[in-house]
Amino acid sequence: MTDALRRIRLWDLPVRLVHWSFAALLPALWWTAESGKIDLHKTLGLTMLGLVFFRILWGFYGSSTARFANFVKGPETVLGYVRSLRENKKLTVIGHNPLGGWSVVLLLGLLGFQATIGLFTIDEDGLESGPLNYLVSFDTSDLLREAHGLVFNVILATLTVHLAAIAYYSVIKKDRLVPPMISGSRDIPASLPAPRIAPLWQAIPAILLAAAFAYWLGMGAPTSLTQNTAASSEAYN
């Protein structure tokens, strides 16, 4: 006898907005870089960095399905989940499964790393640079520019695997992952507990911190700190 189903809220609005913002920003970042729209590219890169920072903060105190502690599992759990897939066992996971949880961590790390590299890069002509470029030498900045392109290719490869996994779950496992990430809701067995969804007001501190952090970096943040340190040193001498 199968368990009756009930509809629950699975993904909160902040998680969904960040997810689809990433999906929109990546092609926009590629297009602005390829078309030479560097000012817009830098703005979008800072937006990406702010979103990653917000998602990390939200992963510590947001809804239960957004928290890293609830979906980042150890090797034994991950291997057990992989075995269940090979044995074609049907497991209902509320939120990210053990494999999906690590893919979230990997993508956040890659996106954050890519956006951070961009802060220090300089273009081939030496005319346009990231807001923190002054902190590194020209050679280092040029090296980071090459790394910026390389990491983007790694992100594309990771996303390809991610999309293949979504297709696998949809076609083979009959588990559609995209609709819940749009609506925020899905059906689960009635015997399973519903996740705790944090109220939207709880996201406000993380939003403000992430926006301030991105703005601070975009303004060349450490400049003022460096100037203050130099001024203090001169005054002391």
Protein backbone atom coordinates (compact mmCIF):
# COMPACT_ATOMS: atom_id res chain seq x y z
CA MET A 1 0.00 0.00 0.00
CA THR A 2 1.45 3.35 -1.01
CA ASP A 3 1.60 6.25 1.36
CA ALA A 4 -0.88 9.07 0.74
CA LEU A 5 0.61 12.30 -0.51
CA ARG A 6 0.32 15.85 0.75
CA ARG A 7 1.58 19.12 -0.70
CA ILE A 8 4.16 21.00 1.32
CA ARG A 9 6.35 24.07 0.85
CA LEU A 10 9.80 22.77 -0.02
CA TRP A 11 11.88 25.74 -1.19
CA ASP A 12 11.62 29.23 0.23
CA LEU A 13 11.52 32.32 -1.99
CA PRO A 14 15.14 33.42 -1.30
CA VAL A 15 16.54 30.03 -2.39
CA ARG A 16 14.47 30.06 -5.57
CA LEU A 17 15.35 33.64 -6.45
CA VAL A 18 19.06 32.99 -5.97
CA HIS A 19 18.87 29.78 -8.00
CA TRP A 20 17.20 31.41 -11.00
CA SER A 21 19.33 34.53 -10.68
CA PHE A 22 22.40 32.33 -11.13
CA ALA A 23 20.78 30.80 -14.21
CA ALA A 24 20.17 34.27 -15.69
CA LEU A 25 23.48 35.82 -14.68
CA LEU A 26 25.80 33.20 -16.17
CA PRO A 27 24.78 33.72 -19.84
CA ALA A 28 24.60 37.48 -19.21
CA LEU A 29 28.15 37.48 -17.82
CA TRP A 30 29.39 35.48 -20.80
CA TRP A 31 27.67 37.83 -23.27
CA THR A 32 28.92 41.03 -21.64
CA ALA A 33 32.48 39.67 -21.58
CA GLU A 34 32.36 38.57 -25.22
CA SER A 35 30.78 41.82 -26.43
CA GLY A 36 33.16 44.08 -24.52
CA LYS A 37 30.54 45.56 -22.19
CA ILE A 38 32.98 45.53 -19.30
CA ASP A 39 31.22 48.00 -17.01
CA LEU A 40 28.03 45.93 -17.13
CA HIS A 41 30.10 42.76 -16.78
CA LYS A 42 31.68 44.07 -13.57
CA THR A 43 28.27 45.07 -12.19
CA LEU A 44 26.85 41.62 -12.92
CA GLY A 45 29.94 39.99 -11.41
CA LEU A 46 29.50 41.94 -8.18
CA THR A 47 25.83 40.95 -8.19
CA MET A 48 26.86 37.32 -8.53
CA LEU A 49 29.30 37.67 -5.65
CA GLY A 50 26.62 39.28 -3.50
CA LEU A 51 24.18 36.47 -4.27
CA VAL A 52 26.76 33.81 -3.41
CA PHE A 53 27.52 35.59 -0.13
CA PHE A 54 23.80 35.81 0.67
CA ARG A 55 23.26 32.10 -0.13
CA ILE A 56 26.13 31.15 2.17
CA LEU A 57 24.67 33.21 5.02
CA TRP A 58 21.20 31.82 4.36
CA GLY A 59 22.67 28.33 4.42
CA PHE A 60 23.40 28.75 8.12
CA TYR A 61 20.16 30.20 9.45
CA GLY A 62 17.51 30.01 6.71
CA SER A 63 14.82 27.41 6.05
CA SER A 64 15.66 23.82 6.94
CA THR A 65 15.98 22.84 3.26
CA ALA A 66 18.38 25.77 2.69
CA ARG A 67 20.75 24.90 5.54
CA PHE A 68 24.05 23.24 4.75
CA ALA A 69 23.84 21.21 7.95
CA ASN A 70 20.76 19.44 6.59
CA PHE A 71 22.02 18.49 3.13
CA VAL A 72 25.83 18.34 3.21
CA LYS A 73 26.46 14.73 4.19
CA GLY A 74 29.52 12.62 4.86
CA PRO A 75 31.05 10.04 2.49
CA GLU A 76 29.19 7.09 4.01
CA THR A 77 25.80 8.71 3.48
CA VAL A 78 26.69 9.77 -0.05
CA LEU A 79 27.90 6.29 -0.98
CA GLY A 80 24.77 4.77 0.54
CA TYR A 81 22.64 7.07 -1.58
CA VAL A 82 24.60 6.14 -4.73
CA ARG A 83 24.04 2.45 -3.96
CA SER A 84 20.31 3.09 -3.61
CA LEU A 85 20.30 4.62 -7.11
CA ARG A 86 22.14 1.65 -8.56
CA GLU A 87 19.71 -0.73 -6.87
CA ASN A 88 16.80 1.34 -8.18
CA LYS A 89 15.41 1.92 -4.71
CA LYS A 90 12.91 4.74 -4.40
CA LEU A 91 13.94 7.13 -1.64
CA THR A 92 12.07 10.30 -0.82
CA VAL A 93 14.47 13.05 0.18
CA ILE A 94 13.10 16.31 1.53
CA GLY A 95 15.29 18.92 -0.15
CA HIS A 96 18.69 18.26 -1.69
CA ASN A 97 19.75 14.62 -1.80
CA PRO A 98 23.31 13.77 -0.60
CA LEU A 99 24.72 14.10 -4.14
CA GLY A 100 22.76 17.23 -4.91
CA GLY A 101 23.92 18.79 -1.66
CA TRP A 102 27.55 18.52 -2.66
CA SER A 103 26.76 19.88 -6.13
CA VAL A 104 25.30 22.97 -4.43
CA VAL A 105 28.51 23.42 -2.43
CA LEU A 106 30.65 22.91 -5.54
CA LEU A 107 28.69 25.40 -7.64
CA LEU A 108 28.63 28.03 -4.90
CA GLY A 109 32.37 27.60 -4.48
CA LEU A 110 33.06 27.87 -8.21
CA LEU A 111 30.79 30.87 -8.70
CA GLY A 112 32.24 32.66 -5.69
CA PHE A 113 35.78 31.85 -6.77
CA GLN A 114 35.11 33.04 -10.33
CA ALA A 115 33.59 36.32 -9.16
CA THR A 116 36.44 36.86 -6.71
CA ILE A 117 39.07 36.33 -9.41
CA GLY A 118 37.30 38.93 -11.50
CA LEU A 119 37.92 41.55 -8.83
CA PHE A 120 41.66 41.40 -9.53
CA THR A 121 41.83 40.87 -13.28
CA ILE A 122 42.85 43.22 -16.09
CA ASP A 123 41.93 42.96 -19.76
CA GLU A 124 44.40 42.14 -22.53
CA ASP A 125 44.85 45.80 -23.43
CA GLY A 126 45.41 46.85 -19.83
CA LEU A 127 42.54 49.36 -20.04
CA GLU A 128 39.82 47.74 -17.94
CA SER A 129 40.33 46.09 -14.59
CA GLY A 130 38.50 44.80 -11.56
CA PRO A 131 37.98 47.05 -8.53
CA LEU A 132 40.71 45.32 -6.51
CA ASN A 133 43.23 45.12 -9.33
CA TYR A 134 45.49 47.68 -7.66
CA LEU A 135 46.29 45.13 -4.95
CA VAL A 136 48.20 42.80 -7.30
CA SER A 137 50.94 43.15 -9.88
CA PHE A 138 50.25 43.32 -13.62
CA ASP A 139 51.66 39.81 -14.13
CA THR A 140 49.48 38.40 -11.37
CA SER A 141 46.45 40.20 -12.74
CA ASP A 142 47.13 38.86 -16.23
CA LEU A 143 47.48 35.34 -14.82
CA LEU A 144 44.17 35.72 -13.00
CA ARG A 145 42.54 36.84 -16.25
CA GLU A 146 43.54 33.53 -17.82
CA ALA A 147 42.31 31.68 -14.72
CA HIS A 148 39.01 33.58 -15.02
CA GLY A 149 38.39 32.01 -18.43
CA LEU A 150 39.50 28.58 -17.25
CA VAL A 151 37.22 28.56 -14.20
CA PHE A 152 34.30 29.60 -16.41
CA ASN A 153 34.86 26.48 -18.51
CA VAL A 154 34.91 24.38 -15.33
CA ILE A 155 31.61 25.98 -14.32
CA LEU A 156 30.11 25.11 -17.71
CA ALA A 157 31.27 21.49 -17.34
CA THR A 158 29.79 21.31 -13.85
CA LEU A 159 26.50 22.77 -15.05
CA THR A 160 26.39 20.20 -17.86
CA VAL A 161 26.63 17.41 -15.28
CA HIS A 162 24.03 19.21 -13.16
CA LEU A 163 21.58 19.39 -16.07
CA ALA A 164 22.25 15.76 -16.97
CA ALA A 165 21.42 14.77 -13.39
CA ILE A 166 18.14 16.72 -13.55
CA ALA A 167 17.26 14.92 -16.78
CA TYR A 168 18.15 11.56 -15.22
CA TYR A 169 15.89 12.14 -12.23
CA SER A 170 13.07 13.39 -14.44
CA VAL A 171 13.18 10.62 -17.06
CA ILE A 172 14.56 7.60 -15.19
CA LYS A 173 13.52 8.20 -11.59
CA LYS A 174 10.27 10.02 -12.46
CA ASP A 175 11.19 12.73 -9.99
CA ARG A 176 10.73 16.18 -11.47
CA LEU A 177 13.10 18.58 -9.71
CA VAL A 178 12.46 21.76 -11.70
CA PRO A 179 8.76 22.45 -10.94
CA PRO A 180 9.31 22.61 -7.15
CA MET A 181 12.17 25.06 -7.69
CA ILE A 182 9.70 27.27 -9.57
CA SER A 183 6.60 26.95 -7.38
CA GLY A 184 8.36 26.18 -4.11
CA SER A 185 6.01 23.27 -3.40
CA ARG A 186 5.85 19.56 -4.04
CA ASP A 187 4.00 16.41 -2.95
CA ILE A 188 5.59 14.14 -0.36
CA PRO A 189 4.35 11.07 1.53
CA ALA A 190 2.02 12.20 4.31
CA SER A 191 4.07 10.25 6.86
CA LEU A 192 7.13 12.46 6.32
CA PRO A 193 7.56 15.72 8.24
CA ALA A 194 7.38 18.98 6.36
CA PRO A 195 10.48 21.19 6.37
CA ARG A 196 10.57 24.40 8.38
CA ILE A 197 10.28 27.40 6.08
CA ALA A 198 11.79 30.57 7.48
CA PRO A 199 9.72 33.77 7.26
CA LEU A 200 10.92 36.23 4.63
CA TRP A 201 11.84 38.91 7.16
CA GLN A 202 14.64 36.68 8.43
CA ALA A 203 16.41 37.08 5.08
CA ILE A 204 16.66 40.87 5.46
CA PRO A 205 19.91 40.91 7.52
CA ALA A 206 21.63 38.59 5.03
CA ILE A 207 20.36 40.66 2.08
CA LEU A 208 21.70 43.88 3.63
CA LEU A 209 25.04 42.32 4.51
CA ALA A 210 25.46 40.79 1.04
CA ALA A 211 24.53 44.03 -0.71
CA ALA A 212 26.87 46.07 1.50
CA PHE A 213 29.68 43.56 0.94
CA ALA A 214 29.29 43.65 -2.86
CA TYR A 215 29.09 47.46 -2.87
CA TRP A 216 32.16 47.73 -0.62
CA LEU A 217 34.19 45.55 -2.96
CA GLY A 218 32.88 47.35 -6.02
CA MET A 219 34.12 50.65 -4.63
CA GLY A 220 37.62 49.20 -4.28
CA ALA A 221 37.01 48.54 -0.60
CA PRO A 222 40.52 48.07 0.77
CA THR A 223 41.65 51.39 -0.78
CA SER A 224 40.40 53.38 2.18
CA LEU A 225 41.90 50.87 4.57
CA THR A 226 45.26 51.05 2.80
CA GLN A 227 45.20 54.84 2.77
CA ASN A 228 44.29 54.98 6.45
CA THR A 229 47.08 52.57 7.32
CA ALA A 230 49.61 54.60 5.30
CA ALA A 231 48.41 57.84 6.88
CA SER A 232 48.70 56.37 10.36
CA SER A 233 52.21 55.12 9.59
CA GLU A 234 53.29 58.56 8.35
CA ALA A 235 51.80 60.27 11.36
CA TYR A 236 53.59 57.84 13.66
CA ASN A 237 56.91 58.47 11.94
